[in-house]
Amino acid sequence: MHIDWVTNPLVQYGVMGGGMVACLSLFLTFKMEVAQVRRRVDKSRTTLSDHFQNIESVIATLRDRVSAVEERPASAQRPGLNLTKRSQALRMHHRGESAETIAAALQTPCNEINLLLKVHKKLGSDQE
């Protein structure tokens, strides 16, 4: 077997040159892939920063709304049925008056009176 061609300098230089070209091509493709990843990361960062700015603006709006609600005077918020109105409504119901009549007499929404009567009936408080 003739393996003298392996010791030929042209073959050795050719193999070394081919190896260098392969290493250079691998290096360049690696650099291109790293550049693509960096572009994607930068794009994601800008997208995330936009989302965070939107979230911060929504939070600021919600804070403003909450502070506006908290700053309202207590009289601006309509209270529910107090104990006096509740007992009056139940007495009127026991007398046989309708929910609409009770609501008009107590200046309370009819839905609240209906709810009060349903809860009273569910609890079995009619047995007095």
N, C-alpha and C. Protein backbone atom coordinates (compact mmCIF):
# COMPACT_ATOMS: atom_id res chain seq x y z
N MET A 1 0.82 -1.17 0.00
CA MET A 1 0.00 0.00 0.00
C MET A 1 0.87 1.24 0.00
N HIS A 2 0.45 2.13 -0.82
CA HIS A 2 1.23 3.37 -0.93
C HIS A 2 0.56 4.46 -0.12
N ILE A 3 1.24 4.85 0.93
CA ILE A 3 0.72 5.96 1.73
C ILE A 3 1.69 7.13 1.69
N ASP A 4 2.44 7.19 0.67
CA ASP A 4 3.38 8.29 0.51
C ASP A 4 2.64 9.60 0.23
N TRP A 5 1.44 9.52 -0.29
CA TRP A 5 0.68 10.74 -0.62
C TRP A 5 0.32 11.53 0.64
N VAL A 6 0.27 10.82 1.83
CA VAL A 6 -0.04 11.48 3.08
C VAL A 6 1.08 12.43 3.48
N THR A 7 2.26 12.08 3.19
CA THR A 7 3.41 12.90 3.57
C THR A 7 3.68 14.01 2.56
N ASN A 8 2.93 14.05 1.49
CA ASN A 8 3.09 15.10 0.49
C ASN A 8 2.62 16.42 1.11
N PRO A 9 3.44 17.48 1.01
CA PRO A 9 3.07 18.76 1.62
C PRO A 9 1.81 19.38 1.01
N LEU A 10 1.56 19.15 -0.25
CA LEU A 10 0.36 19.72 -0.86
C LEU A 10 -0.90 19.13 -0.25
N VAL A 11 -0.89 17.85 0.05
CA VAL A 11 -2.04 17.20 0.67
C VAL A 11 -2.23 17.73 2.08
N GLN A 12 -1.14 17.88 2.81
CA GLN A 12 -1.23 18.38 4.17
C GLN A 12 -1.76 19.82 4.19
N TYR A 13 -1.25 20.64 3.27
CA TYR A 13 -1.74 22.02 3.20
C TYR A 13 -3.21 22.07 2.78
N GLY A 14 -3.59 21.18 1.91
CA GLY A 14 -4.99 21.13 1.47
C GLY A 14 -5.93 20.74 2.61
N VAL A 15 -5.50 19.74 3.39
CA VAL A 15 -6.32 19.31 4.53
C VAL A 15 -6.40 20.42 5.56
N MET A 16 -5.28 21.08 5.82
CA MET A 16 -5.29 22.18 6.78
C MET A 16 -6.15 23.33 6.28
N GLY A 17 -6.05 23.63 4.99
CA GLY A 17 -6.86 24.70 4.41
C GLY A 17 -8.35 24.37 4.48
N GLY A 18 -8.69 23.12 4.18
CA GLY A 18 -10.10 22.69 4.28
C GLY A 18 -10.62 22.79 5.70
N GLY A 19 -9.79 22.39 6.65
CA GLY A 19 -10.18 22.49 8.06
C GLY A 19 -10.37 23.94 8.48
N MET A 20 -9.50 24.82 7.99
CA MET A 20 -9.63 26.24 8.33
C MET A 20 -10.89 26.84 7.71
N VAL A 21 -11.20 26.45 6.49
CA VAL A 21 -12.42 26.94 5.83
C VAL A 21 -13.65 26.44 6.60
N ALA A 22 -13.63 25.18 7.03
CA ALA A 22 -14.75 24.63 7.80
C ALA A 22 -14.90 25.38 9.12
N CYS A 23 -13.78 25.63 9.82
CA CYS A 23 -13.84 26.37 11.08
C CYS A 23 -14.34 27.80 10.85
N LEU A 24 -13.88 28.43 9.79
CA LEU A 24 -14.33 29.79 9.49
C LEU A 24 -15.83 29.83 9.17
N SER A 25 -16.31 28.84 8.42
CA SER A 25 -17.74 28.82 8.10
C SER A 25 -18.57 28.56 9.36
N LEU A 26 -18.09 27.67 10.24
CA LEU A 26 -18.79 27.45 11.51
C LEU A 26 -18.80 28.70 12.36
N PHE A 27 -17.70 29.42 12.42
CA PHE A 27 -17.60 30.64 13.18
C PHE A 27 -18.57 31.69 12.65
N LEU A 28 -18.61 31.85 11.33
CA LEU A 28 -19.50 32.85 10.74
C LEU A 28 -20.98 32.50 10.94
N THR A 29 -21.34 31.25 10.79
CA THR A 29 -22.74 30.87 11.02
C THR A 29 -23.11 31.06 12.49
N PHE A 30 -22.18 30.76 13.39
CA PHE A 30 -22.42 30.99 14.81
C PHE A 30 -22.68 32.47 15.08
N LYS A 31 -21.84 33.35 14.49
CA LYS A 31 -22.01 34.78 14.67
C LYS A 31 -23.36 35.26 14.12
N MET A 32 -23.78 34.72 12.99
CA MET A 32 -25.06 35.12 12.41
C MET A 32 -26.22 34.68 13.31
N GLU A 33 -26.13 33.48 13.85
CA GLU A 33 -27.19 33.00 14.75
C GLU A 33 -27.24 33.83 16.03
N VAL A 34 -26.08 34.20 16.56
CA VAL A 34 -26.05 35.04 17.76
C VAL A 34 -26.68 36.40 17.46
N ALA A 35 -26.41 36.95 16.30
CA ALA A 35 -26.99 38.23 15.92
C ALA A 35 -28.51 38.12 15.80
N GLN A 36 -29.01 37.02 15.25
CA GLN A 36 -30.46 36.82 15.16
C GLN A 36 -31.09 36.73 16.55
N VAL A 37 -30.45 36.00 17.44
CA VAL A 37 -30.97 35.87 18.79
C VAL A 37 -30.98 37.23 19.49
N ARG A 38 -29.93 38.02 19.31
CA ARG A 38 -29.89 39.35 19.92
C ARG A 38 -31.00 40.24 19.39
N ARG A 39 -31.27 40.16 18.08
CA ARG A 39 -32.37 40.95 17.50
C ARG A 39 -33.70 40.54 18.11
N ARG A 40 -33.90 39.23 18.25
CA ARG A 40 -35.15 38.74 18.85
C ARG A 40 -35.29 39.20 20.30
N VAL A 41 -34.20 39.14 21.05
CA VAL A 41 -34.22 39.56 22.45
C VAL A 41 -34.52 41.06 22.53
N ASP A 42 -33.89 41.85 21.68
CA ASP A 42 -34.15 43.29 21.69
C ASP A 42 -35.60 43.58 21.33
N LYS A 43 -36.13 42.85 20.35
CA LYS A 43 -37.53 43.03 19.97
C LYS A 43 -38.45 42.65 21.13
N SER A 44 -38.12 41.56 21.81
CA SER A 44 -38.92 41.12 22.96
C SER A 44 -38.85 42.14 24.09
N ARG A 45 -37.68 42.71 24.29
CA ARG A 45 -37.54 43.73 25.34
C ARG A 45 -38.39 44.95 25.04
N THR A 46 -38.37 45.40 23.80
CA THR A 46 -39.19 46.57 23.46
C THR A 46 -40.67 46.24 23.61
N THR A 47 -41.05 45.03 23.19
CA THR A 47 -42.45 44.63 23.34
C THR A 47 -42.83 44.56 24.81
N LEU A 48 -41.97 43.98 25.62
CA LEU A 48 -42.24 43.89 27.06
C LEU A 48 -42.29 45.27 27.70
N SER A 49 -41.39 46.15 27.29
CA SER A 49 -41.42 47.49 27.89
C SER A 49 -42.71 48.22 27.49
N ASP A 50 -43.19 48.00 26.27
CA ASP A 50 -44.48 48.58 25.86
C ASP A 50 -45.61 48.02 26.72
N HIS A 51 -45.59 46.72 26.94
CA HIS A 51 -46.63 46.10 27.76
C HIS A 51 -46.56 46.63 29.19
N PHE A 52 -45.36 46.77 29.74
CA PHE A 52 -45.23 47.29 31.09
C PHE A 52 -45.73 48.73 31.18
N GLN A 53 -45.46 49.53 30.15
CA GLN A 53 -45.96 50.91 30.15
C GLN A 53 -47.48 50.92 30.11
N ASN A 54 -48.07 50.03 29.31
CA ASN A 54 -49.52 49.94 29.27
C ASN A 54 -50.08 49.53 30.62
N ILE A 55 -49.45 48.55 31.24
CA ILE A 55 -49.91 48.08 32.55
C ILE A 55 -49.77 49.20 33.59
N GLU A 56 -48.67 49.93 33.54
CA GLU A 56 -48.49 51.03 34.49
C GLU A 56 -49.54 52.11 34.29
N SER A 57 -49.89 52.39 33.05
CA SER A 57 -50.92 53.41 32.82
C SER A 57 -52.28 52.93 33.31
N VAL A 58 -52.58 51.64 33.11
CA VAL A 58 -53.84 51.09 33.61
C VAL A 58 -53.87 51.13 35.14
N ILE A 59 -52.77 50.80 35.77
CA ILE A 59 -52.69 50.83 37.23
C ILE A 59 -52.86 52.26 37.73
N ALA A 60 -52.24 53.22 37.05
CA ALA A 60 -52.39 54.62 37.45
C ALA A 60 -53.85 55.06 37.32
N THR A 61 -54.51 54.64 36.25
CA THR A 61 -55.92 54.98 36.07
C THR A 61 -56.76 54.37 37.18
N LEU A 62 -56.49 53.10 37.50
CA LEU A 62 -57.24 52.45 38.57
C LEU A 62 -56.99 53.11 39.92
N ARG A 63 -55.76 53.54 40.17
CA ARG A 63 -55.47 54.24 41.42
C ARG A 63 -56.25 55.54 41.49
N ASP A 64 -56.30 56.25 40.36
CA ASP A 64 -57.07 57.50 40.34
C ASP A 64 -58.54 57.24 40.62
N ARG A 65 -59.08 56.19 40.02
CA ARG A 65 -60.49 55.86 40.25
C ARG A 65 -60.74 55.50 41.71
N VAL A 66 -59.84 54.70 42.28
CA VAL A 66 -60.00 54.29 43.67
C VAL A 66 -59.91 55.50 44.59
N SER A 67 -58.94 56.37 44.33
CA SER A 67 -58.82 57.56 45.19
C SER A 67 -60.03 58.46 45.03
N ALA A 68 -60.60 58.53 43.82
CA ALA A 68 -61.81 59.34 43.63
C ALA A 68 -62.98 58.76 44.41
N VAL A 69 -63.08 57.44 44.42
CA VAL A 69 -64.16 56.79 45.18
C VAL A 69 -63.94 56.98 46.67
N GLU A 70 -62.70 56.87 47.11
CA GLU A 70 -62.41 57.03 48.54
C GLU A 70 -62.62 58.46 49.00
N GLU A 71 -62.42 59.43 48.11
CA GLU A 71 -62.56 60.83 48.49
C GLU A 71 -64.00 61.30 48.49
N ARG A 72 -64.91 60.52 47.94
CA ARG A 72 -66.32 60.91 47.96
C ARG A 72 -66.80 61.00 49.40
N PRO A 73 -67.65 61.97 49.67
CA PRO A 73 -68.19 62.02 51.04
C PRO A 73 -69.10 60.83 51.29
N ALA A 74 -69.22 60.47 52.54
CA ALA A 74 -70.00 59.29 52.90
C ALA A 74 -71.46 59.45 52.53
N SER A 75 -71.97 60.68 52.50
CA SER A 75 -73.38 60.87 52.17
C SER A 75 -73.65 60.60 50.70
N ALA A 76 -72.62 60.69 49.85
CA ALA A 76 -72.81 60.43 48.42
C ALA A 76 -73.05 58.95 48.16
N GLN A 77 -72.58 58.10 49.05
CA GLN A 77 -72.80 56.68 48.90
C GLN A 77 -74.09 56.31 49.62
N ARG A 78 -75.02 55.75 48.87
CA ARG A 78 -76.33 55.43 49.42
C ARG A 78 -76.21 54.21 50.33
N PRO A 79 -76.57 54.35 51.61
CA PRO A 79 -76.50 53.20 52.50
C PRO A 79 -77.63 52.23 52.20
N GLY A 80 -77.46 51.01 52.60
CA GLY A 80 -78.50 50.00 52.43
C GLY A 80 -79.55 50.16 53.51
N LEU A 81 -80.30 49.12 53.71
CA LEU A 81 -81.35 49.15 54.73
C LEU A 81 -80.71 49.14 56.11
N ASN A 82 -81.06 50.13 56.92
CA ASN A 82 -80.58 50.08 58.30
C ASN A 82 -81.59 49.27 59.12
N LEU A 83 -81.29 49.09 60.38
CA LEU A 83 -82.14 48.22 61.20
C LEU A 83 -83.55 48.78 61.37
N THR A 84 -83.68 50.10 61.45
CA THR A 84 -85.00 50.70 61.62
C THR A 84 -85.87 50.45 60.40
N LYS A 85 -85.31 50.72 59.22
CA LYS A 85 -86.09 50.50 57.99
C LYS A 85 -86.40 49.02 57.81
N ARG A 86 -85.45 48.18 58.20
CA ARG A 86 -85.66 46.74 58.07
C ARG A 86 -86.83 46.29 58.94
N SER A 87 -86.82 46.74 60.17
CA SER A 87 -87.90 46.32 61.06
C SER A 87 -89.25 46.91 60.62
N GLN A 88 -89.24 48.16 60.11
CA GLN A 88 -90.48 48.75 59.60
C GLN A 88 -91.00 47.95 58.41
N ALA A 89 -90.07 47.54 57.51
CA ALA A 89 -90.47 46.77 56.33
C ALA A 89 -91.07 45.43 56.74
N LEU A 90 -90.46 44.78 57.71
CA LEU A 90 -90.99 43.49 58.15
C LEU A 90 -92.35 43.65 58.84
N ARG A 91 -92.53 44.72 59.64
CA ARG A 91 -93.83 44.96 60.26
C ARG A 91 -94.91 45.21 59.20
N MET A 92 -94.56 46.01 58.20
CA MET A 92 -95.52 46.30 57.13
C MET A 92 -95.86 45.03 56.36
N HIS A 93 -94.85 44.16 56.17
CA HIS A 93 -95.10 42.90 55.47
C HIS A 93 -96.03 42.02 56.29
N HIS A 94 -95.83 41.98 57.60
CA HIS A 94 -96.71 41.18 58.46
C HIS A 94 -98.15 41.69 58.43
N ARG A 95 -98.32 43.00 58.21
CA ARG A 95 -99.65 43.57 58.10
C ARG A 95 -100.30 43.25 56.76
N GLY A 96 -99.51 42.69 55.83
CA GLY A 96 -100.07 42.27 54.55
C GLY A 96 -99.86 43.25 53.42
N GLU A 97 -98.99 44.22 53.58
CA GLU A 97 -98.74 45.19 52.52
C GLU A 97 -97.79 44.59 51.49
N SER A 98 -97.92 45.05 50.24
CA SER A 98 -97.09 44.50 49.16
C SER A 98 -95.69 45.11 49.21
N ALA A 99 -94.78 44.48 48.51
CA ALA A 99 -93.39 44.95 48.50
C ALA A 99 -93.28 46.32 47.85
N GLU A 100 -94.09 46.58 46.82
CA GLU A 100 -94.06 47.88 46.16
C GLU A 100 -94.51 48.99 47.10
N THR A 101 -95.54 48.72 47.89
CA THR A 101 -96.04 49.70 48.85
C THR A 101 -95.01 49.97 49.93
N ILE A 102 -94.37 48.91 50.39
CA ILE A 102 -93.34 49.06 51.43
C ILE A 102 -92.18 49.88 50.89
N ALA A 103 -91.75 49.59 49.64
CA ALA A 103 -90.63 50.30 49.04
C ALA A 103 -90.97 51.78 48.87
N ALA A 104 -92.19 52.08 48.45
CA ALA A 104 -92.57 53.48 48.28
C ALA A 104 -92.63 54.20 49.63
N ALA A 105 -93.16 53.55 50.65
CA ALA A 105 -93.30 54.18 51.95
C ALA A 105 -91.95 54.45 52.60
N LEU A 106 -90.99 53.53 52.40
CA LEU A 106 -89.68 53.68 53.03
C LEU A 106 -88.66 54.35 52.12
N GLN A 107 -89.08 54.71 50.90
CA GLN A 107 -88.18 55.32 49.91
C GLN A 107 -86.93 54.47 49.70
N THR A 108 -87.19 53.22 49.44
CA THR A 108 -86.13 52.22 49.23
C THR A 108 -86.44 51.48 47.93
N PRO A 109 -85.42 51.07 47.18
CA PRO A 109 -85.70 50.32 45.95
C PRO A 109 -86.48 49.04 46.24
N CYS A 110 -87.36 48.72 45.32
CA CYS A 110 -88.21 47.53 45.47
C CYS A 110 -87.38 46.25 45.53
N ASN A 111 -86.26 46.23 44.80
CA ASN A 111 -85.39 45.03 44.80
C ASN A 111 -84.85 44.74 46.19
N GLU A 112 -84.50 45.79 46.94
CA GLU A 112 -83.98 45.57 48.29
C GLU A 112 -85.07 45.02 49.21
N ILE A 113 -86.28 45.53 49.06
CA ILE A 113 -87.39 45.03 49.88
C ILE A 113 -87.68 43.57 49.55
N ASN A 114 -87.71 43.25 48.25
CA ASN A 114 -87.94 41.86 47.83
C ASN A 114 -86.86 40.94 48.39
N LEU A 115 -85.61 41.39 48.31
CA LEU A 115 -84.50 40.59 48.84
C LEU A 115 -84.66 40.40 50.35
N LEU A 116 -85.00 41.46 51.06
CA LEU A 116 -85.19 41.36 52.50
C LEU A 116 -86.29 40.36 52.83
N LEU A 117 -87.38 40.40 52.11
CA LEU A 117 -88.49 39.49 52.39
C LEU A 117 -88.12 38.04 52.05
N LYS A 118 -87.36 37.84 50.97
CA LYS A 118 -86.92 36.48 50.62
C LYS A 118 -85.98 35.92 51.68
N VAL A 119 -85.03 36.73 52.13
CA VAL A 119 -84.09 36.27 53.16
C VAL A 119 -84.84 35.98 54.44
N HIS A 120 -85.76 36.84 54.79
CA HIS A 120 -86.57 36.65 56.01
C HIS A 120 -87.36 35.35 55.92
N LYS A 121 -87.91 35.09 54.74
CA LYS A 121 -88.69 33.85 54.55
C LYS A 121 -87.79 32.62 54.60
N LYS A 122 -86.59 32.71 53.99
CA LYS A 122 -85.66 31.57 53.99
C LYS A 122 -85.18 31.22 55.39
N LEU A 123 -84.98 32.25 56.19
CA LEU A 123 -84.48 32.01 57.54
C LEU A 123 -85.56 31.49 58.46
N GLY A 124 -86.81 31.54 58.00
CA GLY A 124 -87.90 31.01 58.81
C GLY A 124 -88.27 31.95 59.95
N SER A 125 -88.00 33.22 59.76
CA SER A 125 -88.27 34.19 60.81
C SER A 125 -89.72 34.60 60.85
N ASP A 126 -90.57 34.09 59.95
CA ASP A 126 -91.97 34.44 59.93
C ASP A 126 -92.72 33.83 61.11
N GLN A 127 -92.11 32.88 61.78
CA GLN A 127 -92.77 32.20 62.88
C GLN A 127 -92.47 32.92 64.18
N GLU A 128 -93.20 33.99 64.45
CA GLU A 128 -92.95 34.75 65.67
C GLU A 128 -94.10 34.65 66.61
